[in-house]
């Protein structure tokens, strides 16, 4: 909720600030690909600190509503006009919801990588290699963007499968639950191991090994479920 001056009420700051940015985009008639103001200007506009503004903007980036371009700025993302996305600014998931989320992914993602490895579409393989390199850079620099790059890699695997319906289904799971995906990466607790498994998945897809890719994806997500269950005492 915002006041007449545009300032955001403190009790629900994170969600309200994200909603206020969405409203601002609509009020200004911006469309996908158009640039919004820099973080500092937006922080002043909404009367919050720059780190607080950055957190809300990153949250919207996770939903695909905004897109950060290094050295260029912040732009309206491709998912801005998806009508379901404004309802996705939800409280953090509890343990059962996090487990259910990964289990849902474990049902469809092995089939996705199996298909991707069978096709080995050149442009898709190139995209996977680019995302893997970006993940390596994030890992080495300690960038907080690692979680989003990992999400994009899973989305790119779905695109590589060549089935638009499967791709859209996974896209909904990953983007509508972007904040939950971020928490899952934290709970997993081993970004290096996570990276190595992603690298192996990309290698198996690139080499055209469908069965091995599907088995690894299932094992990868099963391991994530185990990490969430192990962390159960720390999850509300």
Protein backbone atom coordinates (compact mmCIF):
# COMPACT_ATOMS: atom_id res chain seq x y z
CA UNK A 1 0.00 0.00 0.00
CA UNK A 2 1.28 3.50 -0.85
CA UNK A 3 0.44 6.86 0.63
CA UNK A 4 -0.55 9.91 -1.42
CA UNK A 5 3.08 11.00 -1.43
CA UNK A 6 4.09 7.69 -2.97
CA UNK A 7 5.81 6.41 0.16
CA UNK A 8 5.33 2.75 1.06
CA UNK A 9 3.81 1.71 4.36
CA UNK A 10 6.36 -0.12 6.52
CA UNK A 11 4.36 -3.13 7.87
CA UNK A 12 4.28 -4.88 4.46
CA UNK A 13 7.20 -3.08 2.87
CA UNK A 14 8.59 -5.75 0.56
CA UNK A 15 5.31 -6.82 -1.00
CA UNK A 16 3.90 -3.30 -1.12
CA UNK A 17 7.00 -1.91 -2.75
CA UNK A 18 6.94 -4.59 -5.45
CA UNK A 19 3.26 -3.87 -6.09
CA UNK A 20 3.99 -0.14 -6.23
CA UNK A 21 6.60 -0.65 -8.93
CA UNK A 22 4.15 -2.74 -10.96
CA UNK A 23 1.57 0.03 -10.61
CA UNK A 24 4.13 2.63 -11.65
CA UNK A 25 4.94 0.68 -14.82
CA UNK A 26 1.24 0.56 -15.70
CA UNK A 27 0.62 4.21 -14.87
CA UNK A 28 3.52 5.30 -17.07
CA UNK A 29 2.42 3.07 -19.93
CA UNK A 30 5.73 1.22 -20.13
CA UNK A 31 5.97 -2.01 -22.12
CA UNK A 32 8.41 -4.93 -22.22
CA UNK A 33 11.88 -3.80 -23.20
CA UNK A 34 11.48 -0.21 -22.00
CA UNK A 35 13.76 1.12 -19.32
CA UNK A 36 12.61 2.22 -15.87
CA UNK A 37 14.49 4.62 -13.61
CA UNK A 38 17.71 3.73 -11.79
CA UNK A 39 17.53 2.20 -8.33
CA UNK A 40 18.57 5.37 -6.53
CA UNK A 41 15.87 7.46 -8.21
CA UNK A 42 13.23 4.82 -7.53
CA UNK A 43 14.29 4.62 -3.87
CA UNK A 44 13.84 8.38 -3.55
CA UNK A 45 10.50 8.22 -5.33
CA UNK A 46 9.10 5.61 -2.93
CA UNK A 47 10.85 6.93 0.16
CA UNK A 48 12.93 3.85 0.96
CA UNK A 49 16.62 3.04 1.28
CA UNK A 50 18.48 1.92 -1.84
CA UNK A 51 19.13 -1.64 -0.49
CA UNK A 52 15.41 -2.00 0.25
CA UNK A 53 14.58 -0.82 -3.25
CA UNK A 54 17.10 -3.23 -4.72
CA UNK A 55 15.54 -6.16 -2.84
CA UNK A 56 12.08 -5.38 -4.23
CA UNK A 57 13.43 -4.95 -7.77
CA UNK A 58 15.29 -8.26 -7.58
CA UNK A 59 12.08 -9.89 -6.42
CA UNK A 60 10.34 -8.60 -9.52
CA UNK A 61 13.26 -9.75 -11.63
CA UNK A 62 12.72 -13.24 -10.27
CA UNK A 63 9.14 -13.09 -11.55
CA UNK A 64 10.26 -11.93 -14.98
CA UNK A 65 8.51 -8.59 -14.52
CA UNK A 66 11.83 -6.74 -14.61
CA UNK A 67 15.08 -7.47 -16.41
CA UNK A 68 18.50 -6.30 -15.18
CA UNK A 69 21.04 -5.65 -17.92
CA UNK A 70 24.59 -5.26 -16.70
CA UNK A 71 25.95 -1.81 -17.46
CA UNK A 72 22.68 -0.70 -19.04
CA UNK A 73 19.92 -0.51 -16.45
CA UNK A 74 16.61 -2.02 -15.43
CA UNK A 75 13.96 -2.80 -18.02
CA UNK A 76 10.37 -3.99 -18.07
CA UNK A 77 10.53 -7.78 -18.44
CA UNK A 78 8.82 -10.14 -20.81
CA UNK A 79 6.35 -11.36 -18.16
CA UNK A 80 5.00 -7.98 -17.10
CA UNK A 81 1.61 -8.52 -18.75
CA UNK A 82 1.04 -12.00 -17.36
CA UNK A 83 -2.13 -11.49 -15.36
CA UNK A 84 -1.28 -14.10 -12.70
CA UNK A 85 2.04 -12.59 -11.71
CA UNK A 86 0.81 -9.76 -9.45
CA UNK A 87 -0.72 -12.44 -7.20
CA UNK A 88 2.67 -14.12 -6.88
CA UNK A 89 3.97 -11.61 -4.31
CA UNK A 90 3.25 -14.08 -1.53
CA UNK A 91 4.67 -14.91 1.91
CA UNK A 92 7.62 -17.32 2.05
CA UNK A 93 6.72 -20.99 1.68
CA UNK A 94 6.76 -23.40 4.59
CA UNK A 95 8.66 -26.71 4.51
CA UNK A 96 5.81 -28.75 3.04
CA UNK A 97 5.28 -26.29 0.21
CA UNK A 98 9.00 -26.20 -0.62
CA UNK A 99 9.11 -30.00 -0.74
CA UNK A 100 5.97 -30.16 -2.88
CA UNK A 101 7.43 -27.59 -5.26
CA UNK A 102 10.61 -29.60 -5.89
CA UNK A 103 8.67 -32.87 -6.10
CA UNK A 104 6.49 -31.33 -8.80
CA UNK A 105 9.60 -30.38 -10.72
CA UNK A 106 10.96 -33.92 -10.28
CA UNK A 107 7.92 -35.27 -12.11
CA UNK A 108 8.45 -33.23 -15.28
CA UNK A 109 12.11 -32.13 -15.48
CA UNK A 110 13.64 -35.59 -16.08
CA UNK A 111 11.35 -35.97 -19.10
CA UNK A 112 12.34 -32.49 -20.22
CA UNK A 113 16.08 -33.15 -20.19
CA UNK A 114 15.55 -36.53 -21.83
CA UNK A 115 13.88 -34.78 -24.74
CA UNK A 116 16.48 -32.01 -24.81
CA UNK A 117 19.30 -34.55 -25.02
CA UNK A 118 17.52 -36.40 -27.80
CA UNK A 119 17.13 -33.24 -29.87
CA UNK A 120 20.42 -31.41 -29.16
CA UNK A 121 19.24 -28.29 -30.96
CA UNK A 122 22.39 -26.18 -31.64
CA UNK A 123 21.05 -22.80 -30.52
CA UNK A 124 19.67 -24.33 -27.31
CA UNK A 125 23.00 -26.03 -26.57
CA UNK A 126 24.79 -22.71 -27.06
CA UNK A 127 22.39 -20.99 -24.66
CA UNK A 128 23.01 -23.66 -22.02
CA UNK A 129 26.76 -23.17 -22.31
CA UNK A 130 26.34 -19.40 -21.91
CA UNK A 131 24.25 -19.79 -18.76
CA UNK A 132 26.68 -22.30 -17.32
CA UNK A 133 29.54 -19.85 -17.88
CA UNK A 134 27.50 -17.09 -16.23
CA UNK A 135 26.81 -19.35 -13.24
CA UNK A 136 30.56 -20.00 -12.92
CA UNK A 137 31.22 -16.27 -12.90
CA UNK A 138 28.55 -15.70 -10.24
CA UNK A 139 29.98 -18.50 -8.13
CA UNK A 140 33.50 -17.12 -8.28
CA UNK A 141 32.47 -13.53 -7.61
CA UNK A 142 29.92 -14.38 -4.90
CA UNK A 143 27.17 -12.64 -6.89
CA UNK A 144 23.66 -12.84 -5.47
CA UNK A 145 22.43 -13.43 -9.02
CA UNK A 146 23.49 -17.08 -8.92
CA UNK A 147 20.04 -18.28 -7.90
CA UNK A 148 18.43 -16.53 -10.87
CA UNK A 149 21.01 -17.87 -13.34
CA UNK A 150 20.33 -21.38 -12.02
CA UNK A 151 16.60 -20.86 -12.55
CA UNK A 152 17.26 -19.62 -16.08
CA UNK A 153 19.38 -22.69 -16.79
CA UNK A 154 16.50 -24.99 -15.86
CA UNK A 155 14.20 -22.86 -18.04
CA UNK A 156 16.67 -23.12 -20.91
CA UNK A 157 16.69 -26.91 -20.57
CA UNK A 158 12.92 -26.83 -20.96
CA UNK A 159 13.23 -24.63 -24.04
CA UNK A 160 15.79 -27.08 -25.43
CA UNK A 161 13.20 -29.87 -25.23
CA UNK A 162 11.27 -28.18 -28.02
CA UNK A 163 7.84 -28.60 -26.39
CA UNK A 164 6.27 -25.22 -25.74
CA UNK A 165 3.63 -26.58 -23.36
CA UNK A 166 6.21 -28.28 -21.14
CA UNK A 167 8.33 -25.13 -21.29
CA UNK A 168 5.40 -22.97 -20.21
CA UNK A 169 4.44 -25.32 -17.38
CA UNK A 170 7.96 -25.27 -15.94
CA UNK A 171 8.17 -21.53 -16.51
CA UNK A 172 5.09 -21.03 -14.34
CA UNK A 173 6.49 -23.22 -11.56
CA UNK A 174 9.87 -21.50 -11.57
CA UNK A 175 8.75 -17.90 -12.04
CA UNK A 176 5.62 -17.84 -9.91
CA UNK A 177 7.65 -19.42 -7.10
CA UNK A 178 10.85 -17.49 -7.75
CA UNK A 179 11.35 -16.44 -4.14
CA UNK A 180 10.88 -20.04 -3.04
CA UNK A 181 13.52 -21.11 -5.59
CA UNK A 182 15.88 -18.58 -4.06
CA UNK A 183 15.31 -20.04 -0.61
CA UNK A 184 15.85 -23.56 -1.95
CA UNK A 185 19.31 -22.60 -3.23
CA UNK A 186 20.16 -21.26 0.23
CA UNK A 187 18.89 -24.39 1.94
CA UNK A 188 20.82 -26.63 -0.45
CA UNK A 189 23.89 -25.03 1.05
CA UNK A 190 26.48 -26.16 -1.50
CA UNK A 191 26.56 -23.88 -4.56
CA UNK A 192 29.71 -25.56 -5.89
CA UNK A 193 28.11 -29.02 -5.86
CA UNK A 194 24.97 -27.55 -7.42
CA UNK A 195 27.07 -26.02 -10.19
CA UNK A 196 28.88 -29.30 -10.88
CA UNK A 197 25.56 -31.12 -11.24
CA UNK A 198 24.30 -28.44 -13.62
CA UNK A 199 27.52 -28.70 -15.63
CA UNK A 200 27.09 -32.46 -15.88
CA UNK A 201 23.47 -32.04 -17.00
CA UNK A 202 24.55 -29.67 -19.75
CA UNK A 203 27.30 -32.08 -20.81
CA UNK A 204 24.90 -35.02 -21.03
CA UNK A 205 22.40 -32.99 -23.05
CA UNK A 206 25.16 -31.74 -25.34
CA UNK A 207 26.48 -35.27 -25.88
CA UNK A 208 23.00 -36.62 -26.62
CA UNK A 209 22.63 -39.00 -23.67
CA UNK A 210 18.89 -38.86 -22.83
CA UNK A 211 18.70 -41.65 -20.22
CA UNK A 212 21.73 -40.46 -18.26
CA UNK A 213 20.46 -36.85 -18.33
CA UNK A 214 17.04 -37.89 -17.04
CA UNK A 215 18.55 -40.00 -14.25
CA UNK A 216 20.83 -37.18 -13.15
CA UNK A 217 18.01 -34.63 -13.13
CA UNK A 218 15.90 -36.91 -10.94
CA UNK A 219 18.82 -37.49 -8.57
CA UNK A 220 19.60 -33.75 -8.52
CA UNK A 221 16.07 -32.78 -7.49
CA UNK A 222 15.78 -35.66 -5.02
CA UNK A 223 18.95 -34.36 -3.35
CA UNK A 224 17.37 -30.91 -3.11
CA UNK A 225 14.29 -32.40 -1.42
CA UNK A 226 16.60 -34.09 1.08
CA UNK A 227 18.36 -30.80 1.79
CA UNK A 228 15.03 -29.12 2.51
CA UNK A 229 13.96 -31.93 4.83
CA UNK A 230 17.32 -31.80 6.65
CA UNK A 231 16.80 -28.08 7.17
CA UNK A 232 13.27 -28.60 8.48
CA UNK A 233 13.96 -27.24 11.99
CA UNK A 234 15.00 -23.89 10.47
CA UNK A 235 11.94 -23.61 8.20
CA UNK A 236 8.70 -22.15 9.65
